[in-house]
Amino acid sequence: MVYPLIILVLAIVAALMAVRPSRAIYIRRGSFPALCILFAACLIIFPDTAAKAASKGLELWASVVVPSLLPFFIVSELFIVSDLAHKAGTLLEPVMRPLFRLPGCSSLALVLGFASGYPVGAKVTADLRKSKALSRTEAERLLAFTNNSGPLFITGAVGTGMLGSPAIGRFLFVCHILAGITVGLIFKFYRRSAGASADAASGKIPARTDAAGFPANQHKAAEPGKDPGTLIAGAVRNSAFTMLSIGGFIVLFSVVISFLEKTGMTRMAASAAMRLIPGDMPARDMEGIVSGVLNGLLEITNGTGAVSRCANVPLYIKLPAISFIIGWAGLSVHLQVRGIISGTDLDIRPYLAGKFLQGITGALYTWAGMKLLPPGNMVTQPALGLPVSDLHVFFQTLGRSVSMLAVVISVWAGIASLASLLKRAKKKSPI
């Protein structure tokens, strides 16, 4: 009990130092310095805890995150500067426009967002907005449902590594896809009266766009004066910088969560939330679920891992909780997204609303799916945890990522070829 009291005293002192009591507006301005002082104090009081948590976060980033996301980051940038996104966008315009009220080029974010993982969908959306392929409203609508968790994390880390069942991982991934599409259909009505015309009138994007959604008469297959080697080098450099930023967020939130657990803050918050749960529920088992969800509000991996370790909790409670965490993604991912879109004029609030809605919808789909298709044949084992950082794990994860990326590229290449054939056939057909 002494640790929470120390933290509480430090928080009060920091708030008094940073806030002027006579003006309430300074409370919000002083909250961030107070949190910084509090975090520094925890680093001094719990150095061993911080070092272990940082090492664990760094292992996760090096062994799982880098090999699973880096290839998608590189290819997404190459798709933007190449003619592939333009051709595929021309073909998919009749699909994306009626379903989501988005141009065909937005299908790139949709496909890579579901095939890779956080935060590839946000990066592709930001790149499309920077290239003026999307209006502000369209980009905010797209961002709300295309920044998703990938199959490598859900089926590999969560299903196989944490729950010991690849079948459950595939089931959760299907629910995650359905939830994302549902959010996209709902956000079709986001700012319905505002669209590309409003942005065009304000001078933010050209008023005329081509069939793929790119600015009319401004699309180029690649940047002028740059050879493919230069474009690839730029894509690798930009992707590596983004990966370093993601690694910093993972390490930071691993340390923050360890502090919350060490000081007992997570336990106290879980105890307070337990009072809202009906009395007929087993308090000892449900406290672990509540603690895991609270951790998941901050960071997805720690949250899903904590929930998966609740061995005595039935699956009809555990899986919807995990599905909510995966859909919400956690504050760590949201801050990564905030950094990615910082170079644009996008508002992050629609994105946060979309992620919360996706978490709720994913949990409902998971619960309903278990009622319709009881996973009695999905054998589960105690949580195995994430793999340790070694070369075998790195190349195994990289191999899966590259294989999945090859499938995505093949599909997109087929789409581009089909679009080209349709275009040639249209030109040759008699009038």
Protein backbone atom coordinates (compact mmCIF):
# COMPACT_ATOMS: atom_id res chain seq x y z
CA MET A 1 0.00 0.00 0.00
CA VAL A 2 2.99 2.30 0.46
CA TYR A 3 3.74 2.52 -3.25
CA PRO A 4 0.32 3.89 -4.24
CA LEU A 5 0.57 6.48 -1.46
CA ILE A 6 4.01 7.60 -2.68
CA ILE A 7 2.76 7.90 -6.24
CA LEU A 8 -0.35 9.80 -5.08
CA VAL A 9 1.74 12.27 -3.09
CA LEU A 10 4.09 12.83 -6.02
CA ALA A 11 1.13 13.39 -8.32
CA ILE A 12 -0.39 15.98 -5.97
CA VAL A 13 2.93 17.80 -5.57
CA ALA A 14 3.48 17.84 -9.33
CA ALA A 15 -0.03 19.14 -9.91
CA LEU A 16 0.40 21.93 -7.34
CA MET A 17 3.69 22.94 -8.93
CA ALA A 18 2.26 23.02 -12.44
CA VAL A 19 -1.22 24.43 -11.86
CA ARG A 20 -2.40 27.89 -10.84
CA PRO A 21 -5.41 27.39 -8.55
CA SER A 22 -6.99 30.65 -9.64
CA ARG A 23 -7.36 29.54 -13.26
CA ALA A 24 -8.98 26.25 -14.13
CA ILE A 25 -7.63 26.36 -17.66
CA TYR A 26 -4.11 25.70 -16.37
CA ILE A 27 -5.16 22.31 -15.02
CA ARG A 28 -5.19 20.80 -18.50
CA ARG A 29 -1.96 22.53 -19.46
CA GLY A 30 -0.25 21.40 -16.29
CA SER A 31 -1.36 17.78 -16.50
CA PHE A 32 1.28 16.78 -19.04
CA PRO A 33 4.24 18.22 -17.06
CA ALA A 34 2.81 16.55 -13.95
CA LEU A 35 2.72 13.18 -15.74
CA CYS A 36 6.29 13.68 -16.93
CA ILE A 37 7.44 14.39 -13.36
CA LEU A 38 5.51 11.35 -12.13
CA PHE A 39 7.07 9.11 -14.79
CA ALA A 40 10.57 10.35 -13.95
CA ALA A 41 9.92 9.68 -10.26
CA CYS A 42 8.85 6.11 -11.05
CA LEU A 43 12.04 5.59 -13.05
CA ILE A 44 14.04 6.59 -9.98
CA ILE A 45 11.98 4.50 -7.53
CA PHE A 46 11.64 1.37 -9.69
CA PRO A 47 14.75 1.18 -11.93
CA ASP A 48 14.78 -2.64 -12.09
CA THR A 49 11.12 -2.80 -13.09
CA ALA A 50 11.68 -0.22 -15.82
CA ALA A 51 14.74 -2.03 -17.19
CA LYS A 52 12.98 -5.41 -17.35
CA ALA A 53 9.87 -3.94 -18.97
CA ALA A 54 11.92 -2.01 -21.53
CA SER A 55 13.90 -5.14 -22.38
CA LYS A 56 10.68 -7.11 -22.84
CA GLY A 57 9.21 -4.44 -25.09
CA LEU A 58 12.40 -4.26 -27.13
CA GLU A 59 12.40 -8.05 -27.61
CA LEU A 60 8.79 -7.91 -28.80
CA TRP A 61 9.61 -5.14 -31.26
CA ALA A 62 12.75 -6.81 -32.63
CA SER A 63 11.45 -10.38 -32.92
CA VAL A 64 7.82 -9.85 -33.98
CA VAL A 65 6.96 -6.27 -34.96
CA VAL A 66 9.90 -5.46 -37.27
CA PRO A 67 9.80 -8.61 -39.44
CA SER A 68 6.00 -8.57 -39.66
CA LEU A 69 5.46 -4.88 -40.51
CA LEU A 70 8.58 -3.59 -42.27
CA PRO A 71 7.93 -5.34 -45.62
CA PHE A 72 4.39 -3.91 -45.71
CA PHE A 73 5.63 -0.41 -44.94
CA ILE A 74 8.10 -0.55 -47.81
CA VAL A 75 5.66 -1.97 -50.33
CA SER A 76 2.88 0.45 -49.37
CA GLU A 77 5.12 3.40 -50.23
CA LEU A 78 6.11 1.77 -53.52
CA PHE A 79 2.44 1.20 -54.33
CA ILE A 80 1.74 4.91 -53.85
CA VAL A 81 4.53 6.11 -56.17
CA SER A 82 3.93 3.42 -58.77
CA ASP A 83 1.11 3.08 -61.28
CA LEU A 84 -0.27 -0.04 -59.59
CA ALA A 85 -2.45 1.82 -57.08
CA HIS A 86 -3.83 3.98 -59.87
CA LYS A 87 -4.80 1.04 -62.10
CA ALA A 88 -6.30 -0.99 -59.26
CA GLY A 89 -8.15 2.10 -58.05
CA THR A 90 -9.71 2.52 -61.49
CA LEU A 91 -11.07 -1.01 -61.36
CA LEU A 92 -12.25 -0.94 -57.72
CA GLU A 93 -13.97 2.44 -57.89
CA PRO A 94 -17.40 0.82 -58.56
CA VAL A 95 -16.93 -1.25 -55.37
CA MET A 96 -15.48 1.29 -52.92
CA ARG A 97 -17.75 4.17 -53.89
CA PRO A 98 -21.17 2.61 -53.19
CA LEU A 99 -20.04 0.66 -50.12
CA PHE A 100 -17.91 3.23 -48.30
CA ARG A 101 -18.31 6.45 -50.33
CA LEU A 102 -14.58 6.38 -51.06
CA PRO A 103 -12.55 6.47 -54.30
CA GLY A 104 -11.04 3.31 -55.71
CA CYS A 105 -7.49 4.19 -54.64
CA SER A 106 -8.57 3.81 -51.00
CA SER A 107 -8.73 0.04 -51.56
CA LEU A 108 -4.95 0.02 -51.05
CA ALA A 109 -5.38 1.06 -47.42
CA LEU A 110 -8.21 -1.44 -46.97
CA VAL A 111 -6.23 -4.41 -48.31
CA LEU A 112 -2.91 -3.64 -46.62
CA GLY A 113 -4.64 -2.59 -43.41
CA PHE A 114 -6.20 -6.03 -42.97
CA ALA A 115 -3.24 -7.99 -44.39
CA SER A 116 -0.46 -6.43 -42.31
CA GLY A 117 -1.35 -4.88 -38.95
CA TYR A 118 -1.16 -1.68 -36.94
CA PRO A 119 -0.36 0.99 -38.09
CA VAL A 120 0.08 0.23 -41.83
CA GLY A 121 -3.49 1.28 -42.64
CA ALA A 122 -2.91 4.68 -41.05
CA LYS A 123 0.33 5.19 -42.95
CA VAL A 124 -1.25 4.35 -46.32
CA THR A 125 -4.17 6.67 -45.58
CA ALA A 126 -1.81 9.49 -44.63
CA ASP A 127 0.22 8.94 -47.81
CA LEU A 128 -2.93 9.05 -49.93
CA ARG A 129 -3.97 12.28 -48.27
CA LYS A 130 -0.54 13.83 -48.78
CA SER A 131 -0.68 12.90 -52.47
CA LYS A 132 -4.12 14.61 -52.63
CA ALA A 133 -5.80 11.40 -53.74
CA LEU A 134 -8.33 11.80 -50.90
CA SER A 135 -10.18 14.76 -49.50
CA ARG A 136 -9.95 15.41 -45.78
CA THR A 137 -13.39 13.95 -45.15
CA GLU A 138 -12.62 10.86 -47.24
CA ALA A 139 -9.29 10.32 -45.47
CA GLU A 140 -10.88 10.60 -42.02
CA ARG A 141 -13.61 8.20 -43.12
CA LEU A 142 -11.00 5.76 -44.45
CA LEU A 143 -8.77 6.00 -41.38
CA ALA A 144 -11.65 5.06 -39.09
CA PHE A 145 -11.81 1.44 -40.32
CA THR A 146 -8.64 0.51 -42.23
CA ASN A 147 -6.04 0.65 -39.44
CA ASN A 148 -6.41 -2.91 -38.16
CA SER A 149 -4.59 -5.75 -36.50
CA GLY A 150 -3.08 -8.27 -38.91
CA PRO A 151 -3.44 -12.05 -39.15
CA LEU A 152 0.14 -12.61 -38.01
CA PHE A 153 -0.63 -11.10 -34.61
CA ILE A 154 -4.16 -12.46 -34.15
CA THR A 155 -3.59 -16.02 -35.39
CA GLY A 156 0.07 -16.28 -34.39
CA ALA A 157 0.66 -14.31 -31.20
CA VAL A 158 -2.87 -14.40 -29.75
CA GLY A 159 -4.32 -17.64 -31.12
CA THR A 160 -1.29 -19.93 -31.13
CA GLY A 161 1.08 -18.24 -28.68
CA MET A 162 -1.32 -17.03 -25.99
CA LEU A 163 -4.36 -19.33 -26.27
CA GLY A 164 -2.66 -22.39 -27.75
CA SER A 165 -5.25 -22.71 -30.53
CA PRO A 166 -4.73 -21.53 -34.13
CA ALA A 167 -8.44 -22.18 -34.78
CA ILE A 168 -9.43 -19.59 -32.17
CA GLY A 169 -6.97 -17.17 -33.74
CA ARG A 170 -8.60 -17.58 -37.15
CA PHE A 171 -12.03 -17.17 -35.58
CA LEU A 172 -10.98 -13.91 -33.89
CA PHE A 173 -9.47 -12.63 -37.14
CA VAL A 174 -12.72 -13.22 -39.05
CA CYS A 175 -14.64 -11.34 -36.34
CA HIS A 176 -12.08 -8.54 -36.55
CA ILE A 177 -12.54 -8.23 -40.33
CA LEU A 178 -16.33 -8.21 -40.01
CA ALA A 179 -16.14 -5.54 -37.33
CA GLY A 180 -13.87 -3.35 -39.47
CA ILE A 181 -16.14 -3.63 -42.50
CA THR A 182 -19.15 -2.82 -40.31
CA VAL A 183 -17.45 0.33 -39.06
CA GLY A 184 -16.67 1.28 -42.67
CA LEU A 185 -20.32 0.87 -43.64
CA ILE A 186 -21.40 2.99 -40.67
CA PHE A 187 -18.83 5.71 -41.40
CA LYS A 188 -20.21 5.93 -44.92
CA PHE A 189 -22.60 8.45 -43.37
CA TYR A 190 -19.84 10.42 -41.62
CA ARG A 191 -20.13 14.06 -42.74
CA ARG A 192 -22.41 13.04 -45.57
CA SER A 193 -23.08 16.65 -46.54
CA ALA A 194 -19.34 17.38 -46.66
CA GLY A 195 -17.13 15.72 -49.22
CA ALA A 196 -14.62 16.30 -51.93
CA SER A 197 -16.56 19.28 -53.23
CA ALA A 198 -16.15 21.15 -49.94
CA ASP A 199 -12.42 20.51 -49.87
CA ALA A 200 -12.11 21.45 -53.51
CA ALA A 201 -13.92 24.73 -52.88
CA SER A 202 -11.48 25.55 -50.10
CA GLY A 203 -8.53 24.81 -52.38
CA LYS A 204 -7.30 21.76 -50.45
CA ILE A 205 -7.64 19.30 -53.33
CA PRO A 206 -8.34 19.63 -57.04
CA ALA A 207 -12.04 19.71 -57.89
CA ARG A 208 -11.63 17.09 -60.65
CA THR A 209 -10.36 13.57 -60.09
CA ASP A 210 -9.86 10.65 -62.41
CA ALA A 211 -11.57 7.26 -62.27
CA ALA A 212 -9.23 6.02 -59.55
CA GLY A 213 -9.76 9.03 -57.32
CA PHE A 214 -6.40 10.66 -57.99
CA PRO A 215 -6.24 14.36 -58.98
CA ALA A 216 -7.10 14.72 -62.64
CA ASN A 217 -4.15 15.40 -64.95
CA GLN A 218 -1.74 15.26 -62.01
CA HIS A 219 -1.14 11.54 -61.49
CA LYS A 220 2.29 10.25 -62.44
CA ALA A 221 3.50 6.67 -62.37
CA ALA A 222 6.57 7.71 -60.40
CA GLU A 223 8.24 10.87 -59.24
CA PRO A 224 9.95 12.58 -62.17
CA GLY A 225 13.71 12.31 -62.41
CA LYS A 226 13.96 9.38 -59.98
CA ASP A 227 14.96 5.89 -60.96
CA PRO A 228 13.47 2.78 -59.26
CA GLY A 229 16.57 2.37 -57.08
CA THR A 230 16.14 5.85 -55.66
CA LEU A 231 12.46 5.25 -54.98
CA ILE A 232 13.18 1.95 -53.24
CA ALA A 233 15.90 3.57 -51.13
CA GLY A 234 13.50 6.33 -50.09
CA ALA A 235 10.81 3.81 -49.19
CA VAL A 236 13.24 1.80 -47.06
CA ARG A 237 14.53 4.92 -45.31
CA ASN A 238 11.06 6.24 -44.51
CA SER A 239 9.84 2.82 -43.39
CA ALA A 240 12.85 2.32 -41.10
CA PHE A 241 12.20 5.69 -39.47
CA THR A 242 8.55 4.72 -38.88
CA MET A 243 9.62 1.38 -37.38
CA LEU A 244 11.94 3.13 -34.93
CA SER A 245 9.07 5.36 -33.85
CA ILE A 246 6.83 2.33 -33.30
CA GLY A 247 9.57 0.65 -31.26
CA GLY A 248 9.82 3.69 -29.02
CA PHE A 249 6.08 3.61 -28.31
CA ILE A 250 6.17 -0.13 -27.54
CA VAL A 251 9.04 0.26 -25.06
CA LEU A 252 7.46 3.34 -23.45
CA PHE A 253 4.10 1.71 -22.84
CA SER A 254 5.70 -1.52 -21.63
CA VAL A 255 7.40 0.54 -18.93
CA VAL A 256 4.24 2.51 -18.11
CA ILE A 257 2.15 -0.66 -17.70
CA SER A 258 4.83 -2.21 -15.50
CA PHE A 259 4.72 0.88 -13.26
CA LEU A 260 0.94 0.67 -13.00
CA GLU A 261 1.17 -2.99 -11.99
CA LYS A 262 4.06 -2.43 -9.59
CA THR A 263 2.34 0.42 -7.76
CA GLY A 264 -0.96 -1.43 -7.54
CA MET A 265 -2.83 1.11 -9.66
CA THR A 266 -4.08 -1.57 -12.05
CA ARG A 267 -5.30 -3.70 -9.14
CA MET A 268 -7.12 -0.77 -7.56
CA ALA A 269 -8.75 0.21 -10.85
CA ALA A 270 -9.81 -3.41 -11.44
CA SER A 271 -11.28 -3.61 -7.93
CA ALA A 272 -13.28 -0.45 -8.58
CA ALA A 273 -14.53 -1.78 -11.91
CA MET A 274 -15.48 -5.10 -10.29
CA ARG A 275 -18.20 -3.32 -8.35
CA LEU A 276 -20.06 -2.82 -11.63
CA ILE A 277 -20.10 -6.56 -12.38
CA PRO A 278 -23.13 -8.61 -11.20
CA GLY A 279 -22.59 -10.42 -7.93
CA ASP A 280 -23.15 -13.90 -9.39
CA MET A 281 -19.91 -13.67 -11.39
CA PRO A 282 -16.77 -15.24 -9.83
CA ALA A 283 -14.91 -12.20 -8.58
CA ARG A 284 -11.50 -13.85 -8.41
CA ASP A 285 -11.56 -14.92 -12.04
CA MET A 286 -13.24 -11.80 -13.42
CA GLU A 287 -10.69 -9.51 -11.79
CA GLY A 288 -8.07 -10.87 -14.16
CA ILE A 289 -10.32 -10.12 -17.14
CA VAL A 290 -10.95 -6.58 -15.94
CA SER A 291 -7.24 -6.01 -15.32
CA GLY A 292 -6.43 -7.32 -18.79
CA VAL A 293 -8.99 -5.03 -20.44
CA LEU A 294 -7.59 -2.04 -18.51
CA ASN A 295 -4.10 -2.94 -19.72
CA GLY A 296 -5.50 -3.38 -23.21
CA LEU A 297 -6.81 0.17 -23.17
CA LEU A 298 -3.15 1.20 -23.05
CA GLU A 299 -1.35 -1.50 -25.06
CA ILE A 300 -2.79 -4.36 -27.09
CA THR A 301 -0.18 -7.07 -26.47
CA ASN A 302 -0.09 -6.73 -22.68
CA GLY A 303 -3.88 -6.62 -22.55
CA THR A 304 -4.51 -9.70 -24.67
CA GLY A 305 -1.78 -11.58 -22.83
CA ALA A 306 -3.29 -10.77 -19.42
CA VAL A 307 -6.77 -11.91 -20.48
CA SER A 308 -5.45 -15.12 -22.06
CA ARG A 309 -3.79 -16.08 -18.76
CA CYS A 310 -7.17 -16.24 -16.99
CA ALA A 311 -7.37 -20.01 -17.21
CA ASN A 312 -10.56 -20.44 -15.12
CA VAL A 313 -12.61 -17.94 -17.16
CA PRO A 314 -14.86 -19.54 -19.83
CA LEU A 315 -14.22 -18.74 -23.48
CA TYR A 316 -17.57 -16.98 -23.96
CA ILE A 317 -16.23 -14.26 -21.61
CA LYS A 318 -12.53 -14.38 -22.46
CA LEU A 319 -12.76 -14.22 -26.25
CA PRO A 320 -15.12 -11.20 -26.50
CA ALA A 321 -12.80 -9.36 -24.10
CA ILE A 322 -9.79 -10.17 -26.30
CA SER A 323 -11.74 -9.19 -29.40
CA PHE A 324 -12.57 -5.80 -27.86
CA ILE A 325 -8.90 -5.18 -27.05
CA ILE A 326 -7.82 -6.11 -30.58
CA GLY A 327 -10.44 -3.84 -32.12
CA TRP A 328 -9.65 -0.90 -29.83
CA ALA A 329 -5.87 -1.38 -30.35
CA GLY A 330 -4.74 0.60 -27.31
CA LEU A 331 -3.43 4.06 -26.59
CA SER A 332 0.04 3.04 -27.77
CA VAL A 333 -1.23 2.42 -31.31
CA HIS A 334 -3.33 5.58 -31.25
CA LEU A 335 -0.31 7.70 -30.41
CA GLN A 336 1.58 6.04 -33.25
CA VAL A 337 -1.27 6.96 -35.57
CA ARG A 338 -1.25 10.51 -34.23
CA GLY A 339 2.40 10.78 -35.13
CA ILE A 340 1.84 9.33 -38.61
CA ILE A 341 -0.96 11.77 -39.49
CA SER A 342 0.78 14.75 -37.89
CA GLY A 343 1.93 15.88 -41.33
CA THR A 344 -1.64 16.06 -42.59
CA ASP A 345 -4.78 18.02 -41.71
CA LEU A 346 -6.66 14.94 -40.46
CA ASP A 347 -8.60 14.99 -37.19
CA ILE A 348 -7.92 11.96 -34.98
CA ARG A 349 -11.29 12.06 -33.19
CA PRO A 350 -13.24 10.20 -35.94
CA TYR A 351 -10.50 7.56 -35.89
CA LEU A 352 -10.81 7.09 -32.11
CA ALA A 353 -14.59 6.81 -32.40
CA GLY A 354 -14.18 4.22 -35.15
CA LYS A 355 -11.73 2.12 -33.12
CA PHE A 356 -13.97 2.13 -30.05
CA LEU A 357 -16.92 1.14 -32.23
CA GLN A 358 -14.82 -1.60 -33.83
CA GLY A 359 -13.90 -2.96 -30.40
CA ILE A 360 -17.55 -3.11 -29.32
CA THR A 361 -18.66 -4.57 -32.66
CA GLY A 362 -15.87 -7.14 -32.65
CA ALA A 363 -16.82 -8.29 -29.14
CA LEU A 364 -20.47 -8.64 -30.22
CA TYR A 365 -19.53 -10.61 -33.34
CA THR A 366 -17.31 -12.88 -31.25
CA TRP A 367 -20.05 -13.52 -28.70
CA ALA A 368 -22.65 -14.16 -31.42
CA GLY A 369 -20.25 -16.38 -33.35
CA MET A 370 -19.65 -18.54 -30.30
CA LYS A 371 -23.40 -18.90 -29.82
CA LEU A 372 -23.92 -19.97 -33.44
CA LEU A 373 -20.73 -22.00 -33.78
CA PRO A 374 -19.64 -23.22 -30.32
CA PRO A 375 -15.85 -23.66 -30.45
CA GLY A 376 -15.92 -26.99 -28.64
CA ASN A 377 -13.34 -28.44 -31.03
CA MET A 378 -10.97 -25.53 -30.51
CA VAL A 379 -8.59 -27.13 -28.06
CA THR A 380 -6.88 -24.52 -25.90
CA GLN A 381 -3.80 -24.80 -23.76
CA PRO A 382 -2.38 -22.56 -21.05
CA ALA A 383 -0.89 -19.33 -22.33
CA LEU A 384 2.47 -19.98 -23.96
CA GLY A 385 3.48 -16.34 -24.11
CA LEU A 386 5.25 -14.61 -26.94
CA PRO A 387 8.40 -16.19 -28.37
CA VAL A 388 11.74 -15.02 -27.13
CA SER A 389 13.90 -12.87 -29.34
CA ASP A 390 16.24 -14.97 -31.46
CA LEU A 391 17.16 -15.35 -35.11
CA HIS A 392 14.85 -18.32 -35.60
CA VAL A 393 11.79 -16.37 -34.44
CA PHE A 394 12.86 -13.32 -36.46
CA PHE A 395 13.19 -15.17 -39.75
CA GLN A 396 10.11 -17.31 -39.07
CA THR A 397 8.00 -14.18 -38.57
CA LEU A 398 9.68 -12.47 -41.52
CA GLY A 399 8.97 -15.48 -43.72
CA ARG A 400 5.28 -15.44 -42.86
CA SER A 401 5.10 -11.72 -43.46
CA VAL A 402 6.86 -11.92 -46.82
CA SER A 403 4.68 -14.85 -47.89
CA MET A 404 1.53 -12.93 -47.06
CA LEU A 405 2.91 -9.88 -48.79
CA ALA A 406 3.64 -11.95 -51.90
CA VAL A 407 0.01 -13.04 -51.98
CA VAL A 408 -1.16 -9.43 -51.67
CA ILE A 409 1.20 -8.28 -54.43
CA SER A 410 0.06 -11.13 -56.69
CA VAL A 411 -3.59 -10.17 -56.19
CA TRP A 412 -2.87 -6.53 -56.86
CA ALA A 413 -0.78 -7.39 -59.93
CA GLY A 414 -3.67 -9.46 -61.24
CA ILE A 415 -6.05 -6.57 -60.64
CA ALA A 416 -3.73 -4.18 -62.47
CA SER A 417 -3.41 -6.60 -65.41
CA LEU A 418 -7.15 -7.06 -65.57
CA ALA A 419 -7.68 -3.30 -65.51
CA SER A 420 -5.18 -2.90 -68.34
CA LEU A 421 -6.89 -5.59 -70.43
CA LEU A 422 -10.29 -4.02 -69.86
CA LYS A 423 -8.94 -0.66 -70.89
CA ARG A 424 -7.43 -2.04 -74.09
CA ALA A 425 -10.61 -3.95 -74.89
CA LYS A 426 -12.65 -0.80 -74.43
CA LYS A 427 -10.40 1.12 -76.82
CA LYS A 428 -10.55 -1.61 -79.49
CA SER A 429 -14.31 -2.16 -79.25
CA PRO A 430 -16.31 -0.55 -82.09
CA ILE A 431 -18.30 2.56 -81.24
